[in-house]
């Protein structure tokens, strides 16, 4: 009797193990069968990390070496706030002769963490494709609107000084992920132009050509966003006390006709930024007649682009988007 029970337990275990193996192999199998489709992940972050650990998935090269063909211009100060130097880095093909479009990457980190080198994987890859790329630091120790002001000032600096580095300022794109996606949307949708003028100096208006939003929050007034600890810490006040401030910090507030073409990426298993945020952005841009492309990556979580399959797919879509709109 004991042997029969043990045999059944073993059989049950083997069945479960077999099903688990099939489950883990399915995303890569589907990707192999349908290479043009968006790659599928594993829904749970634990399974994603397990897939990386056992070699089913590869990490994107987040710290690539700078090729000899690429010129790296580092630590360019675009702003100084109370003695704190805010800087940007530029990467450009050494053989570049003509003014070039510029792709400006803005890192994420919940408005509190991260550094501009976090996006080297994009900076180097796109520079090798012939673009100029840049990455921007911003203040991580201030409440809203500190870092948004920094991005607006960085964009202003690039428009005024980019020509000295070979930038075609009529073809600039802002790209960011998570908090960086939020800042890219605000910078691209001209947040600064909606702020009060100071000392009668006209607020500069700079028209960027394109924006890429990688799982960035769009509307901070939704029930989930307005009570999310990362958001409330960023704003510095509970939503019940300062609802207008949450709306002011939302890219959704600045949606209107004539905005830059926008590319949106969202993982359907993102537990930090709900898919509804990106869904709403795409729907509203469509109603306004703003060119917008939206790609959902099935079962991928937040920060999905650290995985090579997701990163490769997203870069392919960015290639086509930049070719079309830059």
Protein backbone atom coordinates (compact mmCIF):
# COMPACT_ATOMS: atom_id res chain seq x y z
CA UNK A 1 0.00 0.00 0.00
CA UNK A 2 2.78 2.40 0.94
CA UNK A 3 4.57 1.60 -2.31
CA UNK A 4 1.43 2.41 -4.34
CA UNK A 5 1.01 5.74 -2.56
CA UNK A 6 4.68 6.59 -3.10
CA UNK A 7 4.38 5.61 -6.77
CA UNK A 8 1.36 7.86 -7.25
CA UNK A 9 3.12 10.76 -5.54
CA UNK A 10 6.12 10.24 -7.80
CA UNK A 11 3.91 10.05 -10.88
CA UNK A 12 2.10 13.21 -9.85
CA UNK A 13 5.42 14.97 -9.30
CA UNK A 14 6.69 13.91 -12.71
CA UNK A 15 3.49 15.10 -14.38
CA UNK A 16 3.76 18.49 -12.66
CA UNK A 17 7.45 18.71 -13.55
CA UNK A 18 6.68 17.87 -17.17
CA UNK A 19 3.96 20.50 -17.35
CA UNK A 20 6.29 23.04 -15.76
CA UNK A 21 9.01 22.30 -18.32
CA UNK A 22 6.52 22.65 -21.16
CA UNK A 23 5.33 25.94 -19.65
CA UNK A 24 8.88 27.28 -19.44
CA UNK A 25 9.73 26.19 -22.97
CA UNK A 26 6.54 27.56 -24.55
CA UNK A 27 7.55 31.27 -24.80
CA UNK A 28 10.78 30.50 -26.65
CA UNK A 29 9.07 27.92 -28.85
CA UNK A 30 6.37 30.39 -29.89
CA UNK A 31 9.07 32.99 -30.50
CA UNK A 32 10.92 30.55 -32.76
CA UNK A 33 7.76 29.67 -34.68
CA UNK A 34 6.58 33.29 -35.03
CA UNK A 35 9.73 35.49 -35.03
CA UNK A 36 7.86 38.59 -36.23
CA UNK A 37 5.40 38.55 -33.33
CA UNK A 38 5.98 40.29 -30.01
CA UNK A 39 7.96 37.94 -27.74
CA UNK A 40 6.05 36.21 -24.96
CA UNK A 41 7.34 35.99 -21.38
CA UNK A 42 6.34 34.01 -18.29
CA UNK A 43 3.87 36.32 -16.49
CA UNK A 44 5.54 36.01 -13.08
CA UNK A 45 8.79 37.85 -12.39
CA UNK A 46 10.09 34.84 -10.47
CA UNK A 47 9.70 32.70 -13.60
CA UNK A 48 11.37 35.39 -15.70
CA UNK A 49 14.40 35.34 -13.43
CA UNK A 50 14.35 31.55 -13.39
CA UNK A 51 14.40 31.52 -17.21
CA UNK A 52 17.43 33.79 -17.15
CA UNK A 53 19.09 31.67 -14.48
CA UNK A 54 18.76 28.42 -16.44
CA UNK A 55 19.74 30.00 -19.75
CA UNK A 56 16.35 30.10 -21.47
CA UNK A 57 16.56 33.87 -21.59
CA UNK A 58 19.58 36.13 -22.05
CA UNK A 59 20.06 39.51 -20.46
CA UNK A 60 20.61 42.47 -22.75
CA UNK A 61 24.17 43.81 -22.55
CA UNK A 62 23.53 46.69 -20.15
CA UNK A 63 27.19 47.69 -19.88
CA UNK A 64 28.57 47.46 -23.43
CA UNK A 65 32.04 48.65 -24.29
CA UNK A 66 32.18 51.83 -26.35
CA UNK A 67 33.26 50.82 -29.87
CA UNK A 68 36.28 52.53 -31.42
CA UNK A 69 33.94 53.94 -34.10
CA UNK A 70 31.90 55.89 -31.54
CA UNK A 71 32.96 59.19 -29.96
CA UNK A 72 31.91 59.56 -26.32
CA UNK A 73 31.58 63.11 -24.98
CA UNK A 74 30.91 62.89 -21.26
CA UNK A 75 29.99 65.15 -18.35
CA UNK A 76 28.65 68.12 -20.30
CA UNK A 77 27.02 70.46 -17.79
CA UNK A 78 23.64 71.71 -18.94
CA UNK A 79 22.54 73.20 -15.64
CA UNK A 80 23.79 73.99 -12.16
CA UNK A 81 21.35 74.08 -9.26
CA UNK A 82 22.67 75.32 -5.93
CA UNK A 83 26.15 74.11 -6.76
CA UNK A 84 24.93 70.74 -8.04
CA UNK A 85 26.09 70.07 -11.59
CA UNK A 86 23.57 68.35 -13.85
CA UNK A 87 25.20 66.76 -16.85
CA UNK A 88 24.58 64.87 -20.05
CA UNK A 89 26.65 62.55 -22.23
CA UNK A 90 26.69 62.37 -26.02
CA UNK A 91 27.59 59.45 -28.27
CA UNK A 92 28.16 59.96 -31.98
CA UNK A 93 29.68 58.07 -34.90
CA UNK A 94 33.20 59.38 -35.48
CA UNK A 95 32.67 59.47 -39.23
CA UNK A 96 29.51 61.55 -38.95
CA UNK A 97 29.78 64.50 -41.36
CA UNK A 98 26.25 65.89 -41.59
CA UNK A 99 23.97 67.19 -38.81
CA UNK A 100 22.25 64.15 -37.30
CA UNK A 101 19.01 63.36 -35.49
CA UNK A 102 19.49 63.07 -31.74
CA UNK A 103 17.94 60.41 -29.53
CA UNK A 104 17.81 61.59 -25.90
CA UNK A 105 17.42 58.77 -23.37
CA UNK A 106 16.05 59.49 -19.88
CA UNK A 107 16.60 56.80 -17.25
CA UNK A 108 13.97 55.55 -14.81
CA UNK A 109 14.16 54.70 -11.12
CA UNK A 110 10.93 55.95 -9.52
CA UNK A 111 12.21 59.57 -9.74
CA UNK A 112 14.59 58.70 -6.89
CA UNK A 113 17.23 56.32 -8.25
CA UNK A 114 19.21 55.48 -11.36
CA UNK A 115 21.90 57.17 -13.41
CA UNK A 116 22.30 58.27 -16.98
CA UNK A 117 24.58 55.35 -17.88
CA UNK A 118 21.69 52.93 -17.25
CA UNK A 119 20.70 53.16 -20.91
CA UNK A 120 24.08 52.41 -22.47
CA UNK A 121 22.51 49.42 -24.22
CA UNK A 122 20.43 51.86 -26.28
CA UNK A 123 22.98 54.66 -26.50
CA UNK A 124 25.65 52.46 -28.06
CA UNK A 125 23.35 50.40 -30.27
CA UNK A 126 21.67 53.42 -31.85
CA UNK A 127 24.96 55.31 -32.21
CA UNK A 128 26.27 52.32 -34.15
CA UNK A 129 23.22 52.61 -36.39
CA UNK A 130 24.25 56.17 -37.30
CA UNK A 131 22.28 58.28 -34.84
CA UNK A 132 23.63 60.70 -32.28
CA UNK A 133 22.47 59.68 -28.82
CA UNK A 134 22.48 61.43 -25.47
CA UNK A 135 21.62 60.60 -21.88
CA UNK A 136 20.62 63.09 -19.21
CA UNK A 137 20.95 63.25 -15.43
CA UNK A 138 18.32 64.97 -13.31
CA UNK A 139 17.83 65.68 -9.63
CA UNK A 140 16.77 62.62 -7.67
CA UNK A 141 16.49 64.31 -4.30
CA UNK A 142 13.69 66.81 -4.96
CA UNK A 143 9.92 66.69 -5.07
CA UNK A 144 7.86 67.48 -8.14
CA UNK A 145 8.45 69.57 -10.21
CA UNK A 146 12.24 69.52 -9.66
CA UNK A 147 13.24 66.73 -12.04
CA UNK A 148 10.65 67.81 -14.62
CA UNK A 149 12.19 71.28 -14.65
CA UNK A 150 15.59 69.65 -15.17
CA UNK A 151 14.41 67.73 -18.22
CA UNK A 152 12.79 70.86 -19.65
CA UNK A 153 16.06 72.73 -19.11
CA UNK A 154 18.06 69.90 -20.68
CA UNK A 155 15.84 70.04 -23.77
CA UNK A 156 16.27 73.82 -23.87
CA UNK A 157 20.06 73.43 -23.62
CA UNK A 158 20.11 70.85 -26.43
CA UNK A 159 18.11 73.09 -28.74
CA UNK A 160 20.41 76.03 -28.02
CA UNK A 161 23.75 74.19 -28.04
CA UNK A 162 23.20 70.92 -29.88
CA UNK A 163 24.29 72.38 -33.19
CA UNK A 164 27.81 72.78 -31.78
CA UNK A 165 27.98 68.99 -31.47
CA UNK A 166 26.46 68.19 -34.84
CA UNK A 167 22.81 67.82 -33.78
CA UNK A 168 20.03 68.51 -36.23
CA UNK A 169 17.73 70.21 -33.72
CA UNK A 170 14.74 69.81 -36.03
CA UNK A 171 14.96 66.04 -35.46
CA UNK A 172 15.10 65.29 -31.74
CA UNK A 173 13.40 62.40 -29.96
CA UNK A 174 12.95 61.84 -26.22
CA UNK A 175 12.97 58.23 -25.00
CA UNK A 176 12.55 56.92 -21.47
CA UNK A 177 11.40 54.01 -19.38
CA UNK A 178 9.15 54.04 -16.30
CA UNK A 179 9.82 57.38 -14.52
CA UNK A 180 11.97 58.24 -17.54
CA UNK A 181 8.99 57.52 -19.79
CA UNK A 182 6.90 59.90 -17.70
CA UNK A 183 9.59 62.60 -17.98
CA UNK A 184 9.97 62.00 -21.72
CA UNK A 185 6.25 62.50 -22.22
CA UNK A 186 6.24 65.71 -20.20
CA UNK A 187 9.33 67.00 -22.02
CA UNK A 188 7.98 66.03 -25.43
CA UNK A 189 4.51 67.39 -24.76
CA UNK A 190 6.03 70.72 -23.74
CA UNK A 191 5.23 70.77 -20.04
CA UNK A 192 7.42 73.85 -19.60
CA UNK A 193 5.22 75.88 -21.93
CA UNK A 194 2.31 75.46 -19.50
CA UNK A 195 4.17 76.87 -16.50
CA UNK A 196 3.95 80.51 -15.32
CA UNK A 197 6.50 82.84 -16.85
CA UNK A 198 9.12 84.24 -14.52
CA UNK A 199 10.33 87.85 -14.56
CA UNK A 200 8.44 88.46 -17.81
CA UNK A 201 10.83 86.16 -19.68
CA UNK A 202 8.94 84.13 -22.30
CA UNK A 203 8.92 80.41 -21.58
CA UNK A 204 10.82 78.68 -24.42
CA UNK A 205 8.85 76.44 -26.73
CA UNK A 206 10.78 73.57 -28.27
CA UNK A 207 9.11 71.15 -30.63
CA UNK A 208 10.69 67.72 -30.39
CA UNK A 209 9.94 65.41 -33.30
CA UNK A 210 9.12 62.15 -31.50
CA UNK A 211 8.63 60.56 -28.08
CA UNK A 212 9.09 56.95 -26.99
CA UNK A 213 7.28 55.98 -23.79
CA UNK A 214 8.45 52.68 -22.32
CA UNK A 215 5.92 51.65 -19.62
CA UNK A 216 5.75 55.18 -18.18
CA UNK A 217 2.89 56.49 -15.99
CA UNK A 218 0.54 58.83 -17.82
CA UNK A 219 -2.22 59.84 -15.40
CA UNK A 220 -1.26 60.23 -11.73
CA UNK A 221 -4.84 60.97 -10.66
CA UNK A 222 -6.21 57.44 -11.12
CA UNK A 223 -7.17 55.63 -7.89
CA UNK A 224 -4.17 53.31 -8.14
CA UNK A 225 -1.59 55.96 -9.09
CA UNK A 226 -2.77 58.57 -6.60
CA UNK A 227 -2.23 56.15 -3.69
CA UNK A 228 0.90 54.42 -5.03
CA UNK A 229 3.72 55.12 -2.50
CA UNK A 230 6.27 55.91 -5.24
CA UNK A 231 3.92 58.52 -6.71
CA UNK A 232 2.89 60.09 -3.40
CA UNK A 233 6.56 60.36 -2.41
CA UNK A 234 7.33 62.03 -5.74
CA UNK A 235 4.54 64.59 -5.36
CA UNK A 236 5.22 65.13 -1.65
CA UNK A 237 1.57 65.51 -0.61
CA UNK A 238 -1.36 63.11 -0.28
CA UNK A 239 -3.73 63.23 -3.21
CA UNK A 240 -6.56 64.40 -0.95
CA UNK A 241 -4.55 67.53 -0.11
CA UNK A 242 -3.18 68.42 -3.55
CA UNK A 243 -5.22 66.76 -6.33
CA UNK A 244 -4.37 69.56 -8.76
CA UNK A 245 -0.67 68.88 -8.29
CA UNK A 246 -1.14 65.23 -9.28
CA UNK A 247 -2.96 66.33 -12.43
CA UNK A 248 -0.33 68.96 -13.17
CA UNK A 249 2.35 66.23 -13.01
CA UNK A 250 0.40 63.97 -15.40
CA UNK A 251 1.31 63.85 -19.10
CA UNK A 252 -2.41 63.27 -19.70
CA UNK A 253 -3.03 66.92 -18.83
CA UNK A 254 -1.01 68.12 -21.81
CA UNK A 255 -2.57 65.96 -24.50
CA UNK A 256 -3.67 68.07 -27.46
CA UNK A 257 -3.53 68.18 -31.23
CA UNK A 258 -0.17 68.60 -32.90
CA UNK A 259 1.91 66.64 -30.40
CA UNK A 260 5.02 64.71 -31.50
CA UNK A 261 4.60 61.21 -32.89
CA UNK A 262 4.58 58.80 -29.95
CA UNK A 263 5.70 55.19 -29.63
CA UNK A 264 4.44 53.23 -26.61
CA UNK A 265 5.68 49.93 -25.13
CA UNK A 266 3.92 48.09 -22.31
CA UNK A 267 4.26 44.67 -20.75
CA UNK A 268 0.88 43.06 -20.08
CA UNK A 269 2.05 41.62 -16.74
CA UNK A 270 3.40 44.93 -15.42
CA UNK A 271 2.43 45.07 -11.74
CA UNK A 272 3.86 48.56 -11.18
CA UNK A 273 2.43 50.62 -14.05
CA UNK A 274 -0.97 49.23 -15.10
CA UNK A 275 -1.56 48.49 -18.77
CA UNK A 276 -4.54 50.85 -18.58
CA UNK A 277 -2.13 53.81 -18.42
CA UNK A 278 -0.70 53.03 -21.86
CA UNK A 279 -4.12 52.00 -23.22
CA UNK A 280 -5.53 55.39 -22.26
CA UNK A 281 -2.61 57.27 -23.79
CA UNK A 282 -2.97 55.50 -27.13
CA UNK A 283 -6.74 55.97 -27.22
CA UNK A 284 -6.53 59.69 -26.47
CA UNK A 285 -3.72 60.29 -28.97
CA UNK A 286 -5.81 58.53 -31.62
CA UNK A 287 -8.79 60.76 -30.88
CA UNK A 288 -6.58 63.83 -31.21
CA UNK A 289 -5.11 62.68 -34.50
CA UNK A 290 -1.56 62.43 -33.09
CA UNK A 291 0.50 59.69 -34.79
CA UNK A 292 0.88 56.92 -32.21
CA UNK A 293 2.12 53.34 -32.29
CA UNK A 294 1.50 50.95 -29.41
CA UNK A 295 3.08 47.57 -28.80
CA UNK A 296 2.05 45.31 -25.95
CA UNK A 297 4.54 42.62 -24.98
CA UNK A 298 2.57 39.59 -23.71
CA UNK A 299 3.22 38.48 -20.14
CA UNK A 300 6.25 40.74 -19.65
CA UNK A 301 6.68 42.58 -16.33
CA UNK A 302 8.05 46.04 -15.56
CA UNK A 303 11.64 46.68 -16.77
CA UNK A 304 11.09 44.01 -19.42
CA UNK A 305 13.73 45.50 -21.74
CA UNK A 306 16.60 44.17 -19.62
CA UNK A 307 15.82 40.83 -21.31
CA UNK A 308 17.47 40.49 -24.71
CA UNK A 309 14.41 39.16 -26.57
CA UNK A 310 12.26 42.05 -25.42
CA UNK A 311 15.03 44.59 -26.00
CA UNK A 312 15.73 43.31 -29.51
CA UNK A 313 12.03 43.49 -30.40
CA UNK A 314 11.68 47.00 -28.99
CA UNK A 315 14.77 48.25 -30.81
CA UNK A 316 13.41 46.85 -34.06
CA UNK A 317 10.17 48.77 -33.58
CA UNK A 318 12.11 51.90 -32.61
CA UNK A 319 14.23 51.57 -35.78
CA UNK A 320 11.11 51.65 -37.94
CA UNK A 321 9.53 54.44 -35.88
CA UNK A 322 12.60 56.70 -36.08
CA UNK A 323 12.99 55.96 -39.78
CA UNK A 324 9.39 57.08 -40.31
CA UNK A 325 9.23 60.13 -38.04
CA UNK A 326 12.82 61.43 -37.77
